[in-house]
Protein backbone atom coordinates (compact mmCIF):
# COMPACT_ATOMS: atom_id res chain seq x y z
CA MET A 1 -1.20 -25.84 -15.91
CA ASN A 2 -3.32 -27.77 -13.23
CA ILE A 3 -3.97 -27.07 -9.47
CA ARG A 4 -1.43 -29.63 -8.29
CA SER A 5 1.43 -28.16 -10.35
CA ILE A 6 0.76 -24.69 -9.14
CA ALA A 7 0.77 -26.09 -5.51
CA PHE A 8 3.96 -27.96 -6.20
CA ILE A 9 5.67 -24.72 -7.79
CA ALA A 10 4.37 -22.66 -4.47
CA LEU A 11 5.80 -25.23 -2.21
CA LEU A 12 9.07 -25.08 -4.02
CA SER A 13 9.30 -21.65 -4.09
CA SER A 14 8.07 -21.17 -0.52
CA ILE A 15 11.38 -23.12 0.68
CA GLY A 16 13.53 -21.28 -1.79
CA LEU A 17 14.03 -24.30 -4.45
CA THR A 18 13.13 -22.14 -7.50
CA GLY A 19 12.98 -18.77 -8.70
CA VAL A 20 8.93 -18.99 -9.66
CA ASN A 21 6.60 -17.36 -7.65
CA MET A 22 3.10 -17.56 -9.17
CA ALA A 23 1.49 -14.95 -7.30
CA THR A 24 4.26 -12.41 -7.48
CA ALA A 25 5.27 -13.01 -11.18
CA ALA A 26 5.75 -9.72 -12.89
CA ASP A 27 4.62 -10.71 -16.46
CA SER A 28 1.37 -12.78 -15.35
CA PRO A 29 -1.35 -12.83 -12.69
CA ALA A 30 -1.75 -15.95 -10.42
CA THR A 31 -4.94 -17.82 -10.09
CA ILE A 32 -7.22 -16.57 -6.98
CA ALA A 33 -7.09 -20.43 -5.65
CA SER A 34 -3.27 -20.16 -5.59
CA ILE A 35 -3.06 -16.67 -3.87
CA ASN A 36 -5.24 -18.08 -1.12
CA GLN A 37 -3.35 -21.24 -0.72
CA SER A 38 0.05 -19.43 -0.54
CA LYS A 39 -1.20 -16.63 1.30
CA ALA A 40 1.40 -17.08 4.48
CA SER A 41 4.46 -16.66 2.16
CA LEU A 42 2.89 -13.67 0.37
CA ALA A 43 2.40 -11.43 3.34
CA GLY A 44 3.88 -7.99 2.46
CA LYS A 45 4.20 -8.94 -1.30
CA THR A 46 2.79 -7.54 -4.24
CA VAL A 47 0.44 -9.65 -6.06
CA LYS A 48 -1.42 -9.81 -9.35
CA ALA A 49 -4.76 -11.38 -10.11
CA THR A 50 -7.78 -10.78 -12.61
CA GLY A 51 -11.27 -11.87 -12.24
CA LYS A 52 -14.92 -10.86 -12.39
CA VAL A 53 -16.13 -8.57 -9.69
CA VAL A 54 -19.01 -10.48 -7.33
CA LYS A 55 -19.39 -7.87 -4.75
CA VAL A 56 -18.45 -4.11 -4.20
CA ASN A 57 -18.76 -2.12 -0.76
CA ASN A 58 -17.79 1.50 -1.70
CA GLY A 59 -16.65 3.96 1.06
CA ILE A 60 -16.01 1.73 3.88
CA MET A 61 -13.34 3.22 6.33
CA GLY A 62 -11.89 5.31 3.54
CA ARG A 63 -11.74 2.77 0.88
CA ASN A 64 -13.65 0.46 -1.43
CA PHE A 65 -13.87 -3.21 -0.81
CA LEU A 66 -14.29 -5.76 -3.93
CA HIS A 67 -14.45 -9.39 -4.26
CA ILE A 68 -13.39 -10.76 -7.37
CA GLN A 69 -13.55 -14.50 -8.58
CA ASP A 70 -11.81 -16.09 -11.48
CA GLY A 71 -13.28 -19.80 -11.43
CA SER A 72 -10.44 -21.43 -9.50
CA GLY A 73 -10.82 -22.72 -6.11
CA ASP A 74 -13.63 -23.73 -3.99
CA ALA A 75 -15.84 -21.77 -1.43
CA THR A 76 -12.87 -21.08 0.72
CA THR A 77 -10.08 -20.39 -1.82
CA GLY A 78 -12.15 -19.15 -4.77
CA ASP A 79 -12.91 -15.44 -3.55
CA LEU A 80 -10.39 -12.59 -3.11
CA THR A 81 -10.88 -9.36 -1.41
CA ILE A 82 -9.31 -6.20 -2.09
CA THR A 83 -9.23 -2.88 -0.86
CA SER A 84 -8.54 0.47 -3.28
CA GLN A 85 -9.16 3.91 -3.84
CA GLN A 86 -10.56 2.76 -7.38
CA THR A 87 -13.69 0.86 -7.77
CA ALA A 88 -15.46 -1.39 -10.36
CA LYS A 89 -19.16 -2.67 -10.71
CA VAL A 90 -20.33 -6.16 -10.10
CA GLY A 91 -19.93 -8.09 -13.43
CA ASP A 92 -16.81 -6.17 -14.55
CA GLN A 93 -13.78 -8.08 -15.45
CA ILE A 94 -10.66 -6.58 -14.00
CA SER A 95 -6.95 -6.96 -13.12
CA ILE A 96 -5.73 -5.93 -9.80
CA SER A 97 -2.00 -5.38 -8.43
CA GLY A 98 -2.00 -4.71 -4.53
CA VAL A 99 0.01 -5.90 -1.29
CA ALA A 100 -1.16 -9.02 0.49
CA ALA A 101 -1.89 -8.59 4.19
CA VAL A 102 -2.67 -11.89 6.26
CA ASN A 103 -4.87 -11.65 9.32
CA ARG A 104 -5.78 -8.41 8.70
CA ASP A 105 -8.11 -7.35 11.85
CA PHE A 106 -10.13 -4.35 11.45
CA GLY A 107 -11.73 -4.76 14.74
CA SER A 108 -15.75 -5.20 15.49
CA GLY A 109 -15.39 -8.68 13.93
CA TYR A 110 -13.93 -7.54 10.69
CA LEU A 111 -10.99 -10.20 10.32
CA TYR A 112 -9.71 -11.05 6.97
CA PRO A 113 -7.66 -13.98 6.58
CA LEU A 114 -6.09 -12.69 3.35
CA LEU A 115 -6.71 -9.04 1.97
CA ILE A 116 -5.18 -7.29 -0.86
CA GLU A 117 -4.38 -3.60 0.16
CA ASP A 118 -4.19 -0.65 -1.94
CA ALA A 119 -4.64 -2.43 -5.15
CA THR A 120 -4.75 -0.67 -8.50
CA ILE A 121 -7.54 -1.61 -10.69
CA THR A 122 -7.56 -1.84 -14.37
CA ALA A 123 -10.46 -2.73 -16.67
CA LYS A 124 -10.10 -6.00 -18.92
């Protein structure tokens, strides 16, 4: 499925014309690019994704921050930041499931346009 198909399905889903929501489908994770592109409609919903851990910051504000990428998207849509009580190492392939938060502001300049919070991490 190409990116245009994913974007079209996400658009149809956001206006209620289809029951398919790629980013919240229980049986398959969405691409990181499609999650970023659909972030407004995903606020408060559980999302699933898989990817390679590219950055880890443990123990920040009582949680671990991880960045994952799956090769989809570009510089603005190809990275997904998650928070979790679990952690992983840079280079690990993982699956995550967590709740999408849009425009999450921790103060002091730490604003996340999209953050997947309280994620569960499963090694692949």
